[in-house]
Amino acid sequence: ARSDSHGDWTIQNIELEGTLIFKKAGYLNKRIPAKHAPGV
C-alpha cells in the first residue's frame, strides 16, 4: 500500500502475525509488528 497526501494508509489483508514495513526515500525504514501497529 502507499500513503496519500494526508499520510493516510490502509492495509486490507490482515495478518496480525506479520510485520509492517514503512519505506520512503530520504527516511530510515521502520518495521513494526502488525498486531502492535499504532495509529500514528
Full PDB file with SEQRES, HELIX, SHEET, SSBOND, CRYST1, ORIGX, SCALE, CONECT and MASTER records, all heavy atoms in Angstrom:
SEQRES   1 A   40  ALA ARG SER ASP SER HIS GLY ASP TRP THR ILE GLN ASN          
SEQRES   2 A   40  ILE GLU LEU GLU GLY THR LEU ILE PHE LYS LYS ALA GLY          
SEQRES   3 A   40  TYR LEU ASN LYS ARG ILE PRO ALA LYS HIS ALA PRO GLY          
SEQRES   4 A   40  VAL                                                          
HELIX    1 AA1 ALA A   34  HIS A   36  5                                   3    
SHEET    1 AA1 2 THR A  19  PHE A  22  0                                        
SHEET    2 AA1 2 LYS A  30  PRO A  33 -1                                        
CRYST1    1.000    1.000    1.000  90.00  90.00  90.00 P 1           1          
ORIGX1      1.000000  0.000000  0.000000        0.00000                         
ORIGX2      0.000000  1.000000  0.000000        0.00000                         
ORIGX3      0.000000  0.000000  1.000000        0.00000                         
SCALE1      1.000000  0.000000  0.000000        0.00000                         
SCALE2      0.000000  1.000000  0.000000        0.00000                         
SCALE3      0.000000  0.000000  1.000000        0.00000                         
ATOM      1  N   ALA A   1       0.861  -1.190   0.000  1.00  0.00           N  
ATOM      2  CA  ALA A   1       0.000   0.000   0.000  1.00  0.00           C  
ATOM      3  C   ALA A   1       0.894   1.236   0.000  1.00  0.00           C  
ATOM      4  O   ALA A   1       2.104   1.146   0.198  1.00  0.00           O  
ATOM      5  CB  ALA A   1      -0.919  -0.006   1.215  1.00  0.00           C  
ATOM      6  N   ARG A   2       0.290   2.398  -0.247  1.00  0.00           N  
ATOM      7  CA  ARG A   2       1.023   3.662  -0.226  1.00  0.00           C  
ATOM      8  C   ARG A   2       0.194   4.704   0.506  1.00  0.00           C  
ATOM      9  O   ARG A   2      -1.048   4.685   0.461  1.00  0.00           O  
ATOM     10  CB  ARG A   2       1.357   4.143  -1.640  1.00  0.00           C  
ATOM     11  CG  ARG A   2       2.118   3.136  -2.475  1.00  0.00           C  
ATOM     12  CD  ARG A   2       2.816   3.783  -3.652  1.00  0.00           C  
ATOM     13  NE  ARG A   2       4.067   4.401  -3.275  1.00  0.00           N  
ATOM     14  CZ  ARG A   2       5.225   3.738  -3.139  1.00  0.00           C  
ATOM     15  NH1 ARG A   2       5.270   2.426  -3.335  1.00  0.00           N  
ATOM     16  NH2 ARG A   2       6.325   4.376  -2.816  1.00  0.00           N  
ATOM     17  N   SER A   3       0.869   5.615   1.184  1.00  0.00           N  
ATOM     18  CA  SER A   3       0.169   6.678   1.908  1.00  0.00           C  
ATOM     19  C   SER A   3      -0.254   7.781   0.943  1.00  0.00           C  
ATOM     20  O   SER A   3       0.396   8.015  -0.081  1.00  0.00           O  
ATOM     21  CB  SER A   3       1.075   7.258   2.996  1.00  0.00           C  
ATOM     22  OG  SER A   3       2.244   7.818   2.441  1.00  0.00           O  
ATOM     23  N   ASP A   4      -1.351   8.468   1.271  1.00  0.00           N  
ATOM     24  CA  ASP A   4      -1.837   9.550   0.419  1.00  0.00           C  
ATOM     25  C   ASP A   4      -1.273  10.891   0.883  1.00  0.00           C  
ATOM     26  O   ASP A   4      -0.386  10.951   1.738  1.00  0.00           O  
ATOM     27  CB  ASP A   4      -3.363   9.559   0.381  1.00  0.00           C  
ATOM     28  CG  ASP A   4      -3.995   9.827   1.736  1.00  0.00           C  
ATOM     29  OD1 ASP A   4      -3.294  10.317   2.655  1.00  0.00           O  
ATOM     30  OD2 ASP A   4      -5.204   9.541   1.897  1.00  0.00           O  
ATOM     31  N   SER A   5      -1.790  11.979   0.352  1.00  0.00           N  
ATOM     32  CA  SER A   5      -1.267  13.313   0.660  1.00  0.00           C  
ATOM     33  C   SER A   5      -1.476  13.713   2.112  1.00  0.00           C  
ATOM     34  O   SER A   5      -0.841  14.646   2.607  1.00  0.00           O  
ATOM     35  CB  SER A   5      -1.906  14.356  -0.255  1.00  0.00           C  
ATOM     36  OG  SER A   5      -3.319  14.377  -0.090  1.00  0.00           O  
ATOM     37  N   HIS A   6      -2.374  13.023   2.807  1.00  0.00           N  
ATOM     38  CA  HIS A   6      -2.621  13.288   4.223  1.00  0.00           C  
ATOM     39  C   HIS A   6      -1.829  12.341   5.124  1.00  0.00           C  
ATOM     40  O   HIS A   6      -1.963  12.404   6.345  1.00  0.00           O  
ATOM     41  CB  HIS A   6      -4.111  13.160   4.543  1.00  0.00           C  
ATOM     42  CG  HIS A   6      -4.976  14.104   3.771  1.00  0.00           C  
ATOM     43  ND1 HIS A   6      -5.011  15.466   4.008  1.00  0.00           N  
ATOM     44  CD2 HIS A   6      -5.827  13.883   2.733  1.00  0.00           C  
ATOM     45  CE1 HIS A   6      -5.853  16.034   3.173  1.00  0.00           C  
ATOM     46  NE2 HIS A   6      -6.363  15.106   2.391  1.00  0.00           N  
ATOM     47  N   GLY A   7      -1.040  11.469   4.513  1.00  0.00           N  
ATOM     48  CA  GLY A   7      -0.290  10.492   5.287  1.00  0.00           C  
ATOM     49  C   GLY A   7      -1.102   9.261   5.658  1.00  0.00           C  
ATOM     50  O   GLY A   7      -0.618   8.384   6.372  1.00  0.00           O  
ATOM     51  N   ASP A   8      -2.338   9.176   5.166  1.00  0.00           N  
ATOM     52  CA  ASP A   8      -3.214   8.047   5.499  1.00  0.00           C  
ATOM     53  C   ASP A   8      -2.844   6.811   4.681  1.00  0.00           C  
ATOM     54  O   ASP A   8      -2.499   6.917   3.503  1.00  0.00           O  
ATOM     55  CB  ASP A   8      -4.673   8.411   5.234  1.00  0.00           C  
ATOM     56  CG  ASP A   8      -5.168   9.520   6.124  1.00  0.00           C  
ATOM     57  OD1 ASP A   8      -4.675   9.632   7.259  1.00  0.00           O  
ATOM     58  OD2 ASP A   8      -6.041  10.296   5.684  1.00  0.00           O  
ATOM     59  N   TRP A   9      -2.955   5.639   5.305  1.00  0.00           N  
ATOM     60  CA  TRP A   9      -2.702   4.375   4.617  1.00  0.00           C  
ATOM     61  C   TRP A   9      -3.640   3.314   5.158  1.00  0.00           C  
ATOM     62  O   TRP A   9      -4.142   3.413   6.278  1.00  0.00           O  
ATOM     63  CB  TRP A   9      -1.245   3.932   4.782  1.00  0.00           C  
ATOM     64  CG  TRP A   9      -0.822   3.788   6.228  1.00  0.00           C  
ATOM     65  CD1 TRP A   9      -0.311   4.757   7.033  1.00  0.00           C  
ATOM     66  CD2 TRP A   9      -0.926   2.605   7.034  1.00  0.00           C  
ATOM     67  NE1 TRP A   9      -0.078   4.259   8.290  1.00  0.00           N  
ATOM     68  CE2 TRP A   9      -0.441   2.938   8.318  1.00  0.00           C  
ATOM     69  CE3 TRP A   9      -1.371   1.301   6.805  1.00  0.00           C  
ATOM     70  CZ2 TRP A   9      -0.381   2.017   9.365  1.00  0.00           C  
ATOM     71  CZ3 TRP A   9      -1.313   0.375   7.841  1.00  0.00           C  
ATOM     72  CH2 TRP A   9      -0.825   0.743   9.095  1.00  0.00           C  
ATOM     73  N   THR A  10      -3.897   2.298   4.318  1.00  0.00           N  
ATOM     74  CA  THR A  10      -4.788   1.199   4.701  1.00  0.00           C  
ATOM     75  C   THR A  10      -4.239  -0.106   4.167  1.00  0.00           C  
ATOM     76  O   THR A  10      -3.819  -0.193   3.012  1.00  0.00           O  
ATOM     77  CB  THR A  10      -6.209   1.407   4.127  1.00  0.00           C  
ATOM     78  OG1 THR A  10      -6.726   2.655   4.602  1.00  0.00           O  
ATOM     79  CG2 THR A  10      -7.138   0.281   4.574  1.00  0.00           C  
ATOM     80  N   ILE A  11      -4.231  -1.114   5.021  1.00  0.00           N  
ATOM     81  CA  ILE A  11      -3.887  -2.479   4.623  1.00  0.00           C  
ATOM     82  C   ILE A  11      -5.162  -3.307   4.702  1.00  0.00           C  
ATOM     83  O   ILE A  11      -5.816  -3.375   5.744  1.00  0.00           O  
ATOM     84  CB  ILE A  11      -2.800  -3.083   5.537  1.00  0.00           C  
ATOM     85  CG1 ILE A  11      -1.461  -2.387   5.300  1.00  0.00           C  
ATOM     86  CG2 ILE A  11      -2.671  -4.581   5.310  1.00  0.00           C  
ATOM     87  CD1 ILE A  11      -0.820  -2.674   3.969  1.00  0.00           C  
ATOM     88  N   GLN A  12      -5.532  -3.929   3.573  1.00  0.00           N  
ATOM     89  CA  GLN A  12      -6.786  -4.673   3.507  1.00  0.00           C  
ATOM     90  C   GLN A  12      -6.663  -6.068   4.113  1.00  0.00           C  
ATOM     91  O   GLN A  12      -7.546  -6.547   4.812  1.00  0.00           O  
ATOM     92  CB  GLN A  12      -7.219  -4.809   2.038  1.00  0.00           C  
ATOM     93  CG  GLN A  12      -7.269  -3.497   1.273  1.00  0.00           C  
ATOM     94  CD  GLN A  12      -8.492  -2.675   1.598  1.00  0.00           C  
ATOM     95  OE1 GLN A  12      -9.454  -3.175   2.171  1.00  0.00           O  
ATOM     96  NE2 GLN A  12      -8.458  -1.403   1.218  1.00  0.00           N  
ATOM     97  N   ASN A  13      -5.548  -6.724   3.831  1.00  0.00           N  
ATOM     98  CA  ASN A  13      -5.361  -8.124   4.202  1.00  0.00           C  
ATOM     99  C   ASN A  13      -4.660  -8.226   5.557  1.00  0.00           C  
ATOM    100  O   ASN A  13      -3.461  -8.032   5.663  1.00  0.00           O  
ATOM    101  CB  ASN A  13      -4.531  -8.830   3.123  1.00  0.00           C  
ATOM    102  CG  ASN A  13      -4.291 -10.296   3.466  1.00  0.00           C  
ATOM    103  OD1 ASN A  13      -5.005 -10.877   4.275  1.00  0.00           O  
ATOM    104  ND2 ASN A  13      -3.274 -10.865   2.853  1.00  0.00           N  
ATOM    105  N   ILE A  14      -5.429  -8.489   6.596  1.00  0.00           N  
ATOM    106  CA  ILE A  14      -4.862  -8.514   7.943  1.00  0.00           C  
ATOM    107  C   ILE A  14      -4.156  -9.850   8.214  1.00  0.00           C  
ATOM    108  O   ILE A  14      -4.750 -10.915   8.076  1.00  0.00           O  
ATOM    109  CB  ILE A  14      -5.952  -8.297   9.005  1.00  0.00           C  
ATOM    110  CG1 ILE A  14      -6.540  -6.895   8.879  1.00  0.00           C  
ATOM    111  CG2 ILE A  14      -5.382  -8.488  10.393  1.00  0.00           C  
ATOM    112  CD1 ILE A  14      -7.609  -6.595   9.875  1.00  0.00           C  
ATOM    113  N   GLU A  15      -2.892  -9.735   8.575  1.00  0.00           N  
ATOM    114  CA  GLU A  15      -2.128 -10.884   9.078  1.00  0.00           C  
ATOM    115  C   GLU A  15      -1.420 -10.405  10.328  1.00  0.00           C  
ATOM    116  O   GLU A  15      -0.320  -9.879  10.279  1.00  0.00           O  
ATOM    117  CB  GLU A  15      -1.139 -11.388   8.032  1.00  0.00           C  
ATOM    118  CG  GLU A  15      -1.826 -11.998   6.818  1.00  0.00           C  
ATOM    119  CD  GLU A  15      -0.879 -12.861   5.996  1.00  0.00           C  
ATOM    120  OE1 GLU A  15       0.198 -13.215   6.509  1.00  0.00           O  
ATOM    121  OE2 GLU A  15      -1.239 -13.194   4.863  1.00  0.00           O  
ATOM    122  N   LEU A  16      -2.071 -10.583  11.465  1.00  0.00           N  
ATOM    123  CA  LEU A  16      -1.577  -9.995  12.706  1.00  0.00           C  
ATOM    124  C   LEU A  16      -0.222 -10.542  13.131  1.00  0.00           C  
ATOM    125  O   LEU A  16       0.470  -9.940  13.933  1.00  0.00           O  
ATOM    126  CB  LEU A  16      -2.604 -10.187  13.825  1.00  0.00           C  
ATOM    127  CG  LEU A  16      -3.915  -9.421  13.618  1.00  0.00           C  
ATOM    128  CD1 LEU A  16      -4.847  -9.646  14.791  1.00  0.00           C  
ATOM    129  CD2 LEU A  16      -3.645  -7.930  13.451  1.00  0.00           C  
ATOM    130  N   GLU A  17       0.166 -11.703  12.607  1.00  0.00           N  
ATOM    131  CA  GLU A  17       1.483 -12.255  12.948  1.00  0.00           C  
ATOM    132  C   GLU A  17       2.562 -11.728  12.013  1.00  0.00           C  
ATOM    133  O   GLU A  17       3.727 -12.072  12.165  1.00  0.00           O  
ATOM    134  CB  GLU A  17       1.429 -13.791  12.885  1.00  0.00           C  
ATOM    135  CG  GLU A  17       0.462 -14.418  13.885  1.00  0.00           C  
ATOM    136  CD  GLU A  17       0.773 -14.005  15.315  1.00  0.00           C  
ATOM    137  OE1 GLU A  17       1.967 -13.964  15.676  1.00  0.00           O  
ATOM    138  OE2 GLU A  17      -0.185 -13.709  16.067  1.00  0.00           O  
ATOM    139  N   GLY A  18       2.161 -10.907  11.061  1.00  0.00           N  
ATOM    140  CA  GLY A  18       3.118 -10.374  10.108  1.00  0.00           C  
ATOM    141  C   GLY A  18       3.774  -9.086  10.613  1.00  0.00           C  
ATOM    142  O   GLY A  18       3.567  -8.645  11.746  1.00  0.00           O  
ATOM    143  N   THR A  19       4.557  -8.476   9.718  1.00  0.00           N  
ATOM    144  CA  THR A  19       5.295  -7.253  10.048  1.00  0.00           C  
ATOM    145  C   THR A  19       4.995  -6.178   9.009  1.00  0.00           C  
ATOM    146  O   THR A  19       4.996  -6.450   7.807  1.00  0.00           O  
ATOM    147  CB  THR A  19       6.814  -7.520  10.066  1.00  0.00           C  
ATOM    148  OG1 THR A  19       7.108  -8.524  11.040  1.00  0.00           O  
ATOM    149  CG2 THR A  19       7.582  -6.249  10.407  1.00  0.00           C  
ATOM    150  N   LEU A  20       4.736  -4.965   9.479  1.00  0.00           N  
ATOM    151  CA  LEU A  20       4.549  -3.828   8.599  1.00  0.00           C  
ATOM    152  C   LEU A  20       5.896  -3.144   8.378  1.00  0.00           C  
ATOM    153  O   LEU A  20       6.618  -2.863   9.335  1.00  0.00           O  
ATOM    154  CB  LEU A  20       3.557  -2.834   9.190  1.00  0.00           C  
ATOM    155  CG  LEU A  20       2.088  -3.275   9.223  1.00  0.00           C  
ATOM    156  CD1 LEU A  20       1.259  -2.276  10.020  1.00  0.00           C  
ATOM    157  CD2 LEU A  20       1.536  -3.405   7.805  1.00  0.00           C  
ATOM    158  N   ILE A  21       6.233  -2.872   7.116  1.00  0.00           N  
ATOM    159  CA  ILE A  21       7.483  -2.219   6.778  1.00  0.00           C  
ATOM    160  C   ILE A  21       7.154  -0.911   6.070  1.00  0.00           C  
ATOM    161  O   ILE A  21       6.382  -0.887   5.107  1.00  0.00           O  
ATOM    162  CB  ILE A  21       8.349  -3.100   5.859  1.00  0.00           C  
ATOM    163  CG1 ILE A  21       8.570  -4.476   6.500  1.00  0.00           C  
ATOM    164  CG2 ILE A  21       9.678  -2.424   5.555  1.00  0.00           C  
ATOM    165  CD1 ILE A  21       9.256  -5.466   5.581  1.00  0.00           C  
ATOM    166  N   PHE A  22       7.741   0.206   6.570  1.00  0.00           N  
ATOM    167  CA  PHE A  22       7.496   1.528   6.005  1.00  0.00           C  
ATOM    168  C   PHE A  22       8.770   2.013   5.326  1.00  0.00           C  
ATOM    169  O   PHE A  22       9.838   2.052   5.946  1.00  0.00           O  
ATOM    170  CB  PHE A  22       7.065   2.498   7.098  1.00  0.00           C  
ATOM    171  CG  PHE A  22       5.753   2.139   7.740  1.00  0.00           C  
ATOM    172  CD1 PHE A  22       5.698   1.185   8.744  1.00  0.00           C  
ATOM    173  CD2 PHE A  22       4.570   2.747   7.325  1.00  0.00           C  
ATOM    174  CE1 PHE A  22       4.490   0.843   9.336  1.00  0.00           C  
ATOM    175  CE2 PHE A  22       3.360   2.408   7.916  1.00  0.00           C  
ATOM    176  CZ  PHE A  22       3.324   1.456   8.914  1.00  0.00           C  
ATOM    177  N   LYS A  23       8.651   2.425   4.046  1.00  0.00           N  
ATOM    178  CA  LYS A  23       9.814   2.853   3.269  1.00  0.00           C  
ATOM    179  C   LYS A  23       9.507   4.137   2.505  1.00  0.00           C  
ATOM    180  O   LYS A  23       8.455   4.261   1.886  1.00  0.00           O  
ATOM    181  CB  LYS A  23      10.219   1.772   2.250  1.00  0.00           C  
ATOM    182  CG  LYS A  23      10.704   0.460   2.856  1.00  0.00           C  
ATOM    183  CD  LYS A  23      11.141  -0.506   1.761  1.00  0.00           C  
ATOM    184  CE  LYS A  23      11.711  -1.779   2.335  1.00  0.00           C  
ATOM    185  NZ  LYS A  23      12.198  -2.701   1.265  1.00  0.00           N  
ATOM    186  N   LYS A  24      10.446   5.085   2.574  1.00  0.00           N  
ATOM    187  CA  LYS A  24      10.355   6.303   1.766  1.00  0.00           C  
ATOM    188  C   LYS A  24      11.759   6.848   1.558  1.00  0.00           C  
ATOM    189  O   LYS A  24      12.568   6.883   2.496  1.00  0.00           O  
ATOM    190  CB  LYS A  24       9.479   7.365   2.444  1.00  0.00           C  
ATOM    191  CG  LYS A  24       9.312   8.635   1.601  1.00  0.00           C  
ATOM    192  CD  LYS A  24       8.336   9.598   2.246  1.00  0.00           C  
ATOM    193  CE  LYS A  24       8.262  10.907   1.463  1.00  0.00           C  
ATOM    194  NZ  LYS A  24       7.761  10.723   0.079  1.00  0.00           N  
ATOM    195  N   ALA A  25      12.046   7.286   0.351  1.00  0.00           N  
ATOM    196  CA  ALA A  25      13.357   7.853   0.042  1.00  0.00           C  
ATOM    197  C   ALA A  25      13.632   9.055   0.939  1.00  0.00           C  
ATOM    198  O   ALA A  25      12.766   9.922   1.120  1.00  0.00           O  
ATOM    199  CB  ALA A  25      13.423   8.261  -1.423  1.00  0.00           C  
ATOM    200  N   GLY A  26      14.831   9.101   1.517  1.00  0.00           N  
ATOM    201  CA  GLY A  26      15.208  10.199   2.393  1.00  0.00           C  
ATOM    202  C   GLY A  26      14.877   9.955   3.849  1.00  0.00           C  
ATOM    203  O   GLY A  26      15.168  10.803   4.703  1.00  0.00           O  
ATOM    204  N   TYR A  27      14.271   8.800   4.144  1.00  0.00           N  
ATOM    205  CA  TYR A  27      13.903   8.446   5.511  1.00  0.00           C  
ATOM    206  C   TYR A  27      14.407   7.039   5.826  1.00  0.00           C  
ATOM    207  O   TYR A  27      14.590   6.221   4.921  1.00  0.00           O  
ATOM    208  CB  TYR A  27      12.384   8.499   5.712  1.00  0.00           C  
ATOM    209  CG  TYR A  27      11.811   9.890   5.593  1.00  0.00           C  
ATOM    210  CD1 TYR A  27      11.566  10.451   4.339  1.00  0.00           C  
ATOM    211  CD2 TYR A  27      11.529  10.650   6.716  1.00  0.00           C  
ATOM    212  CE1 TYR A  27      11.054  11.739   4.217  1.00  0.00           C  
ATOM    213  CE2 TYR A  27      11.006  11.932   6.601  1.00  0.00           C  
ATOM    214  CZ  TYR A  27      10.779  12.468   5.350  1.00  0.00           C  
ATOM    215  OH  TYR A  27      10.277  13.733   5.235  1.00  0.00           O  
ATOM    216  N   LEU A  28      14.611   6.764   7.107  1.00  0.00           N  
ATOM    217  CA  LEU A  28      15.014   5.426   7.516  1.00  0.00           C  
ATOM    218  C   LEU A  28      13.802   4.502   7.523  1.00  0.00           C  
ATOM    219  O   LEU A  28      12.698   4.903   7.928  1.00  0.00           O  
ATOM    220  CB  LEU A  28      15.651   5.457   8.911  1.00  0.00           C  
ATOM    221  CG  LEU A  28      16.937   6.275   9.049  1.00  0.00           C  
ATOM    222  CD1 LEU A  28      17.453   6.188  10.487  1.00  0.00           C  
ATOM    223  CD2 LEU A  28      18.009   5.794   8.071  1.00  0.00           C  
ATOM    224  N   ASN A  29      14.013   3.265   7.083  1.00  0.00           N  
ATOM    225  CA  ASN A  29      12.928   2.282   7.109  1.00  0.00           C  
ATOM    226  C   ASN A  29      12.513   1.976   8.547  1.00  0.00           C  
ATOM    227  O   ASN A  29      13.323   2.084   9.483  1.00  0.00           O  
ATOM    228  CB  ASN A  29      13.358   0.988   6.426  1.00  0.00           C  
ATOM    229  CG  ASN A  29      13.649   1.178   4.944  1.00  0.00           C  
ATOM    230  OD1 ASN A  29      13.259   2.180   4.350  1.00  0.00           O  
ATOM    231  ND2 ASN A  29      14.327   0.212   4.358  1.00  0.00           N  
ATOM    232  N   LYS A  30      11.265   1.585   8.701  1.00  0.00           N  
ATOM    233  CA  LYS A  30      10.779   1.190  10.025  1.00  0.00           C  
ATOM    234  C   LYS A  30       9.980  -0.088   9.900  1.00  0.00           C  
ATOM    235  O   LYS A  30       9.169  -0.237   8.977  1.00  0.00           O  
ATOM    236  CB  LYS A  30       9.932   2.297  10.648  1.00  0.00           C  
ATOM    237  CG  LYS A  30       9.331   1.908  12.009  1.00  0.00           C  
ATOM    238  CD  LYS A  30       8.629   3.080  12.679  1.00  0.00           C  
ATOM    239  CE  LYS A  30       9.614   3.906  13.468  1.00  0.00           C  
ATOM    240  NZ  LYS A  30       8.925   4.896  14.349  1.00  0.00           N  
ATOM    241  N   ARG A  31      10.208  -1.014  10.845  1.00  0.00           N  
ATOM    242  CA  ARG A  31       9.492  -2.293  10.900  1.00  0.00           C  
ATOM    243  C   ARG A  31       8.703  -2.355  12.209  1.00  0.00           C  
ATOM    244  O   ARG A  31       9.254  -2.098  13.290  1.00  0.00           O  
ATOM    245  CB  ARG A  31      10.470  -3.475  10.826  1.00  0.00           C  
ATOM    246  CG  ARG A  31      11.303  -3.514   9.538  1.00  0.00           C  
ATOM    247  CD  ARG A  31      12.341  -4.626   9.607  1.00  0.00           C  
ATOM    248  NE  ARG A  31      11.729  -5.943   9.710  1.00  0.00           N  
ATOM    249  CZ  ARG A  31      11.425  -6.709   8.667  1.00  0.00           C  
ATOM    250  NH1 ARG A  31      11.692  -6.294   7.438  1.00  0.00           N  
ATOM    251  NH2 ARG A  31      10.867  -7.891   8.842  1.00  0.00           N  
ATOM    252  N   ILE A  32       7.416  -2.715  12.102  1.00  0.00           N  
ATOM    253  CA  ILE A  32       6.540  -2.775  13.268  1.00  0.00           C  
ATOM    254  C   ILE A  32       5.671  -4.022  13.167  1.00  0.00           C  
ATOM    255  O   ILE A  32       5.082  -4.277  12.108  1.00  0.00           O  
ATOM    256  CB  ILE A  32       5.627  -1.537  13.345  1.00  0.00           C  
ATOM    257  CG1 ILE A  32       6.465  -0.258  13.452  1.00  0.00           C  
ATOM    258  CG2 ILE A  32       4.667  -1.623  14.521  1.00  0.00           C  
ATOM    259  CD1 ILE A  32       5.643   1.003  13.413  1.00  0.00           C  
ATOM    260  N   PRO A  33       5.571  -4.832  14.236  1.00  0.00           N  
ATOM    261  CA  PRO A  33       4.634  -5.961  14.218  1.00  0.00           C  
ATOM    262  C   PRO A  33       3.222  -5.467  13.920  1.00  0.00           C  
ATOM    263  O   PRO A  33       2.751  -4.500  14.525  1.00  0.00           O  
ATOM    264  CB  PRO A  33       4.747  -6.540  15.633  1.00  0.00           C  
ATOM    265  CG  PRO A  33       6.102  -6.109  16.112  1.00  0.00           C  
ATOM    266  CD  PRO A  33       6.328  -4.756  15.503  1.00  0.00           C  
ATOM    267  N   ALA A  34       2.559  -6.115  12.994  1.00  0.00           N  
ATOM    268  CA  ALA A  34       1.241  -5.651  12.554  1.00  0.00           C  
ATOM    269  C   ALA A  34       0.251  -5.559  13.705  1.00  0.00           C  
ATOM    270  O   ALA A  34      -0.550  -4.627  13.778  1.00  0.00           O  
ATOM    271  CB  ALA A  34       0.714  -6.574  11.458  1.00  0.00           C  
ATOM    272  N   LYS A  35       0.306  -6.508  14.629  1.00  0.00           N  
ATOM    273  CA  LYS A  35      -0.671  -6.517  15.719  1.00  0.00           C  
ATOM    274  C   LYS A  35      -0.418  -5.412  16.735  1.00  0.00           C  
ATOM    275  O   LYS A  35      -1.267  -5.126  17.574  1.00  0.00           O  
ATOM    276  CB  LYS A  35      -0.683  -7.879  16.409  1.00  0.00           C  
ATOM    277  CG  LYS A  35       0.609  -8.277  17.093  1.00  0.00           C  
ATOM    278  CD  LYS A  35       0.475  -9.650  17.726  1.00  0.00           C  
ATOM    279  CE  LYS A  35       1.771 -10.122  18.363  1.00  0.00           C  
ATOM    280  NZ  LYS A  35       1.629 -11.475  18.956  1.00  0.00           N  
ATOM    281  N   HIS A  36       0.779  -4.762  16.671  1.00  0.00           N  
ATOM    282  CA  HIS A  36       1.085  -3.673  17.593  1.00  0.00           C  
ATOM    283  C   HIS A  36       1.194  -2.331  16.885  1.00  0.00           C  
ATOM    284  O   HIS A  36       1.695  -1.364  17.452  1.00  0.00           O  
ATOM    285  CB  HIS A  36       2.400  -3.957  18.324  1.00  0.00           C  
ATOM    286  CG  HIS A  36       2.385  -5.189  19.175  1.00  0.00           C  
ATOM    287  ND1 HIS A  36       1.413  -5.424  20.121  1.00  0.00           N  
ATOM    288  CD2 HIS A  36       3.219  -6.266  19.204  1.00  0.00           C  
ATOM    289  CE1 HIS A  36       1.651  -6.584  20.719  1.00  0.00           C  
ATOM    290  NE2 HIS A  36       2.733  -7.109  20.168  1.00  0.00           N  
ATOM    291  N   ALA A  37       0.719  -2.249  15.647  1.00  0.00           N  
ATOM    292  CA  ALA A  37       0.864  -1.013  14.871  1.00  0.00           C  
ATOM    293  C   ALA A  37       0.047   0.116  15.498  1.00  0.00           C  
ATOM    294  O   ALA A  37      -1.165  -0.009  15.666  1.00  0.00           O  
ATOM    295  CB  ALA A  37       0.413  -1.248  13.438  1.00  0.00           C  
ATOM    296  N   PRO A  38       0.704   1.230  15.853  1.00  0.00           N  
ATOM    297  CA  PRO A  38      -0.036   2.376  16.404  1.00  0.00           C  
ATOM    298  C   PRO A  38      -0.741   3.144  15.301  1.00  0.00           C  
ATOM    299  O   PRO A  38      -0.488   2.930  14.109  1.00  0.00           O  
ATOM    300  CB  PRO A  38       1.075   3.217  17.049  1.00  0.00           C  
ATOM    301  CG  PRO A  38       2.282   2.913  16.220  1.00  0.00           C  
ATOM    302  CD  PRO A  38       2.146   1.471  15.790  1.00  0.00           C  
ATOM    303  N   GLY A  39      -1.605   4.056  15.677  1.00  0.00           N  
ATOM    304  CA  GLY A  39      -2.342   4.840  14.689  1.00  0.00           C  
ATOM    305  C   GLY A  39      -1.471   5.842  13.961  1.00  0.00           C  
ATOM    306  O   GLY A  39      -1.739   6.193  12.821  1.00  0.00           O  
ATOM    307  N   VAL A  40      -0.408   6.318  14.649  1.00  0.00           N  
ATOM    308  CA  VAL A  40       0.490   7.314  14.052  1.00  0.00           C  
ATOM    309  C   VAL A  40       1.903   6.754  14.018  1.00  0.00           C  
ATOM    310  O   VAL A  40       2.478   6.422  15.050  1.00  0.00           O  
ATOM    311  CB  VAL A  40       0.467   8.632  14.845  1.00  0.00           C  
ATOM    312  CG1 VAL A  40       1.537   9.594  14.325  1.00  0.00           C  
ATOM    313  CG2 VAL A  40      -0.908   9.284  14.763  1.00  0.00           C  
TER     314      VAL A  40                                                      
MASTER        0    0    0    1    2    0    0    6  313    1    0    4          
END                                                                             
